[in-house]
Amino acid sequence: MAFIYVFLGGGLGSVVRYIISKSLKPYQFTFPWATFLANIFACILLGMLIAYVNKNNVSEAFKYTFIVGFCGGFSTFSTFSNDTFELFEQGNLFLAFLNIIMSIVLCLFCIYLGMKLIK
């Protein structure tokens, strides 16, 4: 059943991200504002949801639908940010910074690699 909740939440999150992208498309910004704003909104929402879950007794369905699914579909950057924040909270500064640097550098490289593999 968890897969269904993640699927539904992820679909909704993706649709919201798409709506943001489509609504900003006519402005033709040079800076990727749609992605940036989706990431910011998703991080705020994820933080709010985690705080809510920590204070309240919520169902697994709620967690899977909104935290894993919706926020994951809206932006995986929110999950990356939360994982890194947890490393900082646990005092794992080295791992937190390693996660930041490796994620950015390797993901940029993987974009390049993927493009080269298709050409």
N, C-alpha and C. Protein backbone atom coordinates (compact mmCIF):
# COMPACT_ATOMS: atom_id res chain seq x y z
N MET A 1 0.82 -1.20 0.00
CA MET A 1 0.00 0.00 0.00
C MET A 1 0.87 1.27 0.00
N ALA A 2 2.05 1.18 0.62
CA ALA A 2 2.94 2.34 0.67
C ALA A 2 3.29 2.82 -0.74
N PHE A 3 3.44 1.89 -1.67
CA PHE A 3 3.76 2.27 -3.05
C PHE A 3 2.65 3.13 -3.66
N ILE A 4 1.42 2.82 -3.35
CA ILE A 4 0.28 3.59 -3.86
C ILE A 4 0.32 5.01 -3.31
N TYR A 5 0.58 5.14 -2.01
CA TYR A 5 0.64 6.46 -1.38
C TYR A 5 1.78 7.30 -1.97
N VAL A 6 2.93 6.68 -2.14
CA VAL A 6 4.08 7.39 -2.72
C VAL A 6 3.77 7.79 -4.16
N PHE A 7 3.15 6.89 -4.89
CA PHE A 7 2.79 7.14 -6.28
C PHE A 7 1.83 8.33 -6.40
N LEU A 8 0.80 8.32 -5.58
CA LEU A 8 -0.19 9.41 -5.62
C LEU A 8 0.43 10.75 -5.20
N GLY A 9 1.16 10.74 -4.09
CA GLY A 9 1.80 11.97 -3.62
C GLY A 9 2.84 12.48 -4.60
N GLY A 10 3.63 11.56 -5.15
CA GLY A 10 4.65 11.94 -6.12
C GLY A 10 4.05 12.56 -7.37
N GLY A 11 2.95 11.99 -7.82
CA GLY A 11 2.26 12.56 -8.99
C GLY A 11 1.76 13.96 -8.71
N LEU A 12 1.17 14.16 -7.54
CA LEU A 12 0.68 15.49 -7.17
C LEU A 12 1.83 16.49 -7.07
N GLY A 13 2.94 16.08 -6.44
CA GLY A 13 4.10 16.96 -6.32
C GLY A 13 4.67 17.34 -7.69
N SER A 14 4.72 16.38 -8.58
CA SER A 14 5.22 16.64 -9.94
C SER A 14 4.31 17.61 -10.68
N VAL A 15 3.01 17.47 -10.49
CA VAL A 15 2.06 18.37 -11.13
C VAL A 15 2.24 19.80 -10.61
N VAL A 16 2.45 19.94 -9.31
CA VAL A 16 2.66 21.28 -8.74
C VAL A 16 3.95 21.89 -9.29
N ARG A 17 5.00 21.09 -9.38
CA ARG A 17 6.26 21.59 -9.95
C ARG A 17 6.04 22.02 -11.40
N TYR A 18 5.27 21.24 -12.15
CA TYR A 18 4.97 21.55 -13.54
C TYR A 18 4.17 22.86 -13.65
N ILE A 19 3.22 23.05 -12.76
CA ILE A 19 2.41 24.28 -12.76
C ILE A 19 3.29 25.50 -12.52
N ILE A 20 4.22 25.39 -11.58
CA ILE A 20 5.15 26.50 -11.32
C ILE A 20 5.97 26.79 -12.57
N SER A 21 6.48 25.74 -13.19
CA SER A 21 7.30 25.89 -14.39
C SER A 21 6.51 26.54 -15.53
N LYS A 22 5.30 26.07 -15.75
CA LYS A 22 4.47 26.61 -16.84
C LYS A 22 4.07 28.05 -16.58
N SER A 23 3.79 28.38 -15.32
CA SER A 23 3.34 29.74 -15.02
C SER A 23 4.48 30.76 -15.13
N LEU A 24 5.72 30.33 -15.00
CA LEU A 24 6.85 31.25 -15.13
C LEU A 24 7.47 31.24 -16.53
N LYS A 25 7.09 30.27 -17.35
CA LYS A 25 7.66 30.12 -18.69
C LYS A 25 7.52 31.38 -19.56
N PRO A 26 6.38 32.07 -19.54
CA PRO A 26 6.24 33.25 -20.41
C PRO A 26 7.25 34.37 -20.11
N TYR A 27 7.81 34.39 -18.94
CA TYR A 27 8.72 35.48 -18.56
C TYR A 27 10.14 35.29 -19.09
N GLN A 28 10.48 34.09 -19.51
CA GLN A 28 11.78 33.79 -20.12
C GLN A 28 12.96 34.33 -19.33
N PHE A 29 12.99 34.01 -18.05
CA PHE A 29 14.12 34.40 -17.20
C PHE A 29 15.38 33.66 -17.63
N THR A 30 16.53 34.29 -17.45
CA THR A 30 17.79 33.60 -17.68
C THR A 30 18.08 32.65 -16.52
N PHE A 31 17.80 33.12 -15.29
CA PHE A 31 17.99 32.29 -14.10
C PHE A 31 16.85 31.28 -14.01
N PRO A 32 17.13 30.05 -13.62
CA PRO A 32 16.08 29.02 -13.54
C PRO A 32 15.16 29.20 -12.31
N TRP A 33 14.35 30.25 -12.34
CA TRP A 33 13.51 30.59 -11.20
C TRP A 33 12.50 29.50 -10.86
N ALA A 34 11.95 28.83 -11.84
CA ALA A 34 10.93 27.82 -11.56
C ALA A 34 11.51 26.68 -10.72
N THR A 35 12.66 26.18 -11.12
CA THR A 35 13.32 25.11 -10.36
C THR A 35 13.73 25.61 -9.00
N PHE A 36 14.30 26.78 -8.96
CA PHE A 36 14.75 27.36 -7.70
C PHE A 36 13.57 27.51 -6.73
N LEU A 37 12.47 28.07 -7.20
CA LEU A 37 11.30 28.26 -6.34
C LEU A 37 10.68 26.94 -5.92
N ALA A 38 10.63 25.97 -6.83
CA ALA A 38 10.11 24.64 -6.47
C ALA A 38 10.96 24.04 -5.36
N ASN A 39 12.27 24.16 -5.48
CA ASN A 39 13.16 23.63 -4.45
C ASN A 39 12.96 24.34 -3.11
N ILE A 40 12.83 25.66 -3.15
CA ILE A 40 12.63 26.42 -1.92
C ILE A 40 11.31 26.05 -1.27
N PHE A 41 10.24 26.06 -2.05
CA PHE A 41 8.91 25.71 -1.51
C PHE A 41 8.89 24.29 -0.97
N ALA A 42 9.52 23.36 -1.69
CA ALA A 42 9.55 21.96 -1.26
C ALA A 42 10.32 21.81 0.05
N CYS A 43 11.41 22.55 0.19
CA CYS A 43 12.19 22.48 1.43
C CYS A 43 11.40 23.05 2.61
N ILE A 44 10.71 24.16 2.38
CA ILE A 44 9.88 24.73 3.45
C ILE A 44 8.78 23.74 3.83
N LEU A 45 8.11 23.20 2.83
CA LEU A 45 7.03 22.26 3.09
C LEU A 45 7.54 21.01 3.79
N LEU A 46 8.67 20.48 3.35
CA LEU A 46 9.22 19.28 3.99
C LEU A 46 9.56 19.56 5.45
N GLY A 47 10.16 20.71 5.72
CA GLY A 47 10.46 21.07 7.11
C GLY A 47 9.20 21.16 7.95
N MET A 48 8.15 21.77 7.39
CA MET A 48 6.88 21.88 8.10
C MET A 48 6.27 20.50 8.36
N LEU A 49 6.31 19.64 7.35
CA LEU A 49 5.74 18.31 7.50
C LEU A 49 6.49 17.48 8.52
N ILE A 50 7.81 17.57 8.51
CA ILE A 50 8.61 16.81 9.48
C ILE A 50 8.32 17.30 10.89
N ALA A 51 8.24 18.62 11.08
CA ALA A 51 7.90 19.16 12.40
C ALA A 51 6.51 18.70 12.83
N TYR A 52 5.56 18.69 11.91
CA TYR A 52 4.21 18.26 12.20
C TYR A 52 4.18 16.79 12.60
N VAL A 53 4.88 15.96 11.84
CA VAL A 53 4.92 14.52 12.12
C VAL A 53 5.59 14.25 13.46
N ASN A 54 6.63 15.01 13.79
CA ASN A 54 7.33 14.82 15.06
C ASN A 54 6.48 15.20 16.26
N LYS A 55 5.52 16.11 16.07
CA LYS A 55 4.67 16.56 17.17
C LYS A 55 3.34 15.82 17.26
N ASN A 56 2.95 15.17 16.18
CA ASN A 56 1.63 14.54 16.12
C ASN A 56 1.73 13.08 15.73
N ASN A 57 0.74 12.35 16.13
CA ASN A 57 0.65 10.95 15.73
C ASN A 57 -0.06 10.89 14.39
N VAL A 58 0.70 10.68 13.33
CA VAL A 58 0.10 10.63 12.00
C VAL A 58 0.27 9.24 11.41
N SER A 59 -0.58 8.94 10.47
CA SER A 59 -0.56 7.62 9.84
C SER A 59 0.65 7.47 8.92
N GLU A 60 1.00 6.23 8.66
CA GLU A 60 2.05 5.94 7.70
C GLU A 60 1.62 6.42 6.32
N ALA A 61 0.33 6.34 6.04
CA ALA A 61 -0.19 6.80 4.75
C ALA A 61 0.11 8.28 4.56
N PHE A 62 -0.07 9.08 5.60
CA PHE A 62 0.24 10.51 5.53
C PHE A 62 1.72 10.72 5.23
N LYS A 63 2.58 10.02 5.95
CA LYS A 63 4.03 10.17 5.74
C LYS A 63 4.42 9.80 4.32
N TYR A 64 3.93 8.64 3.86
CA TYR A 64 4.28 8.19 2.51
C TYR A 64 3.73 9.12 1.44
N THR A 65 2.51 9.58 1.63
CA THR A 65 1.88 10.43 0.62
C THR A 65 2.54 11.79 0.53
N PHE A 66 2.75 12.44 1.68
CA PHE A 66 3.19 13.83 1.65
C PHE A 66 4.70 14.02 1.78
N ILE A 67 5.35 13.27 2.67
CA ILE A 67 6.79 13.46 2.87
C ILE A 67 7.58 12.77 1.75
N VAL A 68 7.33 11.49 1.57
CA VAL A 68 8.08 10.75 0.56
C VAL A 68 7.56 11.07 -0.84
N GLY A 69 6.25 10.98 -1.03
CA GLY A 69 5.67 11.16 -2.36
C GLY A 69 5.63 12.59 -2.84
N PHE A 70 4.82 13.42 -2.16
CA PHE A 70 4.62 14.79 -2.63
C PHE A 70 5.93 15.57 -2.67
N CYS A 71 6.65 15.60 -1.56
CA CYS A 71 7.90 16.37 -1.53
C CYS A 71 8.94 15.76 -2.47
N GLY A 72 8.94 14.44 -2.59
CA GLY A 72 9.86 13.79 -3.53
C GLY A 72 9.54 14.12 -4.98
N GLY A 73 8.24 14.15 -5.30
CA GLY A 73 7.83 14.51 -6.65
C GLY A 73 7.99 15.99 -6.93
N PHE A 74 7.78 16.79 -5.90
CA PHE A 74 7.89 18.24 -6.04
C PHE A 74 9.36 18.62 -6.22
N SER A 75 10.24 17.99 -5.45
CA SER A 75 11.66 18.30 -5.53
C SER A 75 12.47 17.30 -4.73
N THR A 76 13.36 16.58 -5.39
CA THR A 76 14.25 15.71 -4.62
C THR A 76 15.28 16.54 -3.86
N PHE A 77 15.41 17.80 -4.25
CA PHE A 77 16.34 18.67 -3.54
C PHE A 77 15.92 18.83 -2.08
N SER A 78 14.62 18.81 -1.83
CA SER A 78 14.14 18.92 -0.45
C SER A 78 14.61 17.73 0.37
N THR A 79 14.56 16.55 -0.22
CA THR A 79 15.02 15.35 0.49
C THR A 79 16.52 15.40 0.70
N PHE A 80 17.26 15.80 -0.32
CA PHE A 80 18.71 15.97 -0.20
C PHE A 80 19.03 16.95 0.93
N SER A 81 18.31 18.05 0.96
CA SER A 81 18.55 19.07 1.99
C SER A 81 18.25 18.53 3.38
N ASN A 82 17.16 17.79 3.52
CA ASN A 82 16.82 17.21 4.82
C ASN A 82 17.85 16.18 5.26
N ASP A 83 18.29 15.33 4.35
CA ASP A 83 19.33 14.34 4.68
C ASP A 83 20.59 15.04 5.18
N THR A 84 20.98 16.11 4.48
CA THR A 84 22.17 16.86 4.86
C THR A 84 21.97 17.56 6.21
N PHE A 85 20.79 18.13 6.41
CA PHE A 85 20.47 18.79 7.68
C PHE A 85 20.56 17.79 8.84
N GLU A 86 20.05 16.59 8.63
CA GLU A 86 20.12 15.56 9.68
C GLU A 86 21.57 15.21 10.00
N LEU A 87 22.42 15.15 8.98
CA LEU A 87 23.84 14.89 9.22
C LEU A 87 24.45 16.00 10.07
N PHE A 88 24.12 17.25 9.77
CA PHE A 88 24.59 18.37 10.59
C PHE A 88 24.08 18.25 12.02
N GLU A 89 22.79 17.95 12.18
CA GLU A 89 22.20 17.82 13.52
C GLU A 89 22.88 16.72 14.34
N GLN A 90 23.28 15.65 13.66
CA GLN A 90 23.93 14.52 14.34
C GLN A 90 25.41 14.78 14.60
N GLY A 91 25.90 15.92 14.14
CA GLY A 91 27.30 16.27 14.35
C GLY A 91 28.23 15.66 13.32
N ASN A 92 27.68 15.10 12.26
CA ASN A 92 28.49 14.50 11.20
C ASN A 92 28.83 15.56 10.14
N LEU A 93 29.63 16.54 10.56
CA LEU A 93 29.95 17.65 9.66
C LEU A 93 30.67 17.20 8.41
N PHE A 94 31.61 16.27 8.57
CA PHE A 94 32.36 15.77 7.42
C PHE A 94 31.41 15.13 6.42
N LEU A 95 30.53 14.25 6.89
CA LEU A 95 29.60 13.58 5.99
C LEU A 95 28.61 14.56 5.37
N ALA A 96 28.19 15.56 6.12
CA ALA A 96 27.26 16.56 5.59
C ALA A 96 27.91 17.31 4.43
N PHE A 97 29.14 17.79 4.64
CA PHE A 97 29.82 18.53 3.57
C PHE A 97 30.19 17.60 2.42
N LEU A 98 30.55 16.38 2.73
CA LEU A 98 30.84 15.40 1.68
C LEU A 98 29.60 15.16 0.82
N ASN A 99 28.45 15.05 1.47
CA ASN A 99 27.20 14.85 0.74
C ASN A 99 26.91 16.04 -0.18
N ILE A 100 27.12 17.24 0.33
CA ILE A 100 26.87 18.45 -0.48
C ILE A 100 27.80 18.47 -1.70
N ILE A 101 29.08 18.32 -1.45
CA ILE A 101 30.06 18.44 -2.52
C ILE A 101 29.92 17.31 -3.53
N MET A 102 29.83 16.08 -3.02
CA MET A 102 29.71 14.94 -3.94
C MET A 102 28.42 15.00 -4.75
N SER A 103 27.33 15.37 -4.11
CA SER A 103 26.05 15.43 -4.84
C SER A 103 26.11 16.44 -5.97
N ILE A 104 26.62 17.62 -5.68
CA ILE A 104 26.66 18.65 -6.70
C ILE A 104 27.64 18.29 -7.81
N VAL A 105 28.86 17.93 -7.44
CA VAL A 105 29.88 17.64 -8.44
C VAL A 105 29.50 16.40 -9.26
N LEU A 106 29.11 15.32 -8.60
CA LEU A 106 28.78 14.10 -9.33
C LEU A 106 27.52 14.25 -10.18
N CYS A 107 26.53 14.97 -9.67
CA CYS A 107 25.32 15.15 -10.47
C CYS A 107 25.60 16.00 -11.71
N LEU A 108 26.42 17.04 -11.56
CA LEU A 108 26.80 17.82 -12.74
C LEU A 108 27.56 16.95 -13.74
N PHE A 109 28.46 16.13 -13.23
CA PHE A 109 29.21 15.23 -14.10
C PHE A 109 28.27 14.23 -14.78
N CYS A 110 27.29 13.72 -14.03
CA CYS A 110 26.36 12.74 -14.60
C CYS A 110 25.48 13.36 -15.68
N ILE A 111 25.13 14.63 -15.55
CA ILE A 111 24.41 15.32 -16.62
C ILE A 111 25.27 15.33 -17.87
N TYR A 112 26.53 15.70 -17.71
CA TYR A 112 27.48 15.73 -18.82
C TYR A 112 27.63 14.33 -19.42
N LEU A 113 27.83 13.33 -18.57
CA LEU A 113 28.00 11.96 -19.02
C LEU A 113 26.78 11.48 -19.79
N GLY A 114 25.61 11.73 -19.25
CA GLY A 114 24.38 11.31 -19.92
C GLY A 114 24.25 11.94 -21.30
N MET A 115 24.61 13.21 -21.39
CA MET A 115 24.55 13.88 -22.69
C MET A 115 25.56 13.29 -23.68
N LYS A 116 26.74 12.98 -23.17
CA LYS A 116 27.79 12.41 -24.04
C LYS A 116 27.40 11.00 -24.49
N LEU A 117 26.75 10.24 -23.63
CA LEU A 117 26.36 8.88 -23.99
C LEU A 117 25.34 8.86 -25.12
N ILE A 118 24.50 9.87 -25.15
CA ILE A 118 23.48 9.93 -26.20
C ILE A 118 24.04 10.47 -27.52
N LYS A 119 25.03 11.37 -27.44
CA LYS A 119 25.62 11.94 -28.68
C LYS A 119 26.41 10.95 -29.40
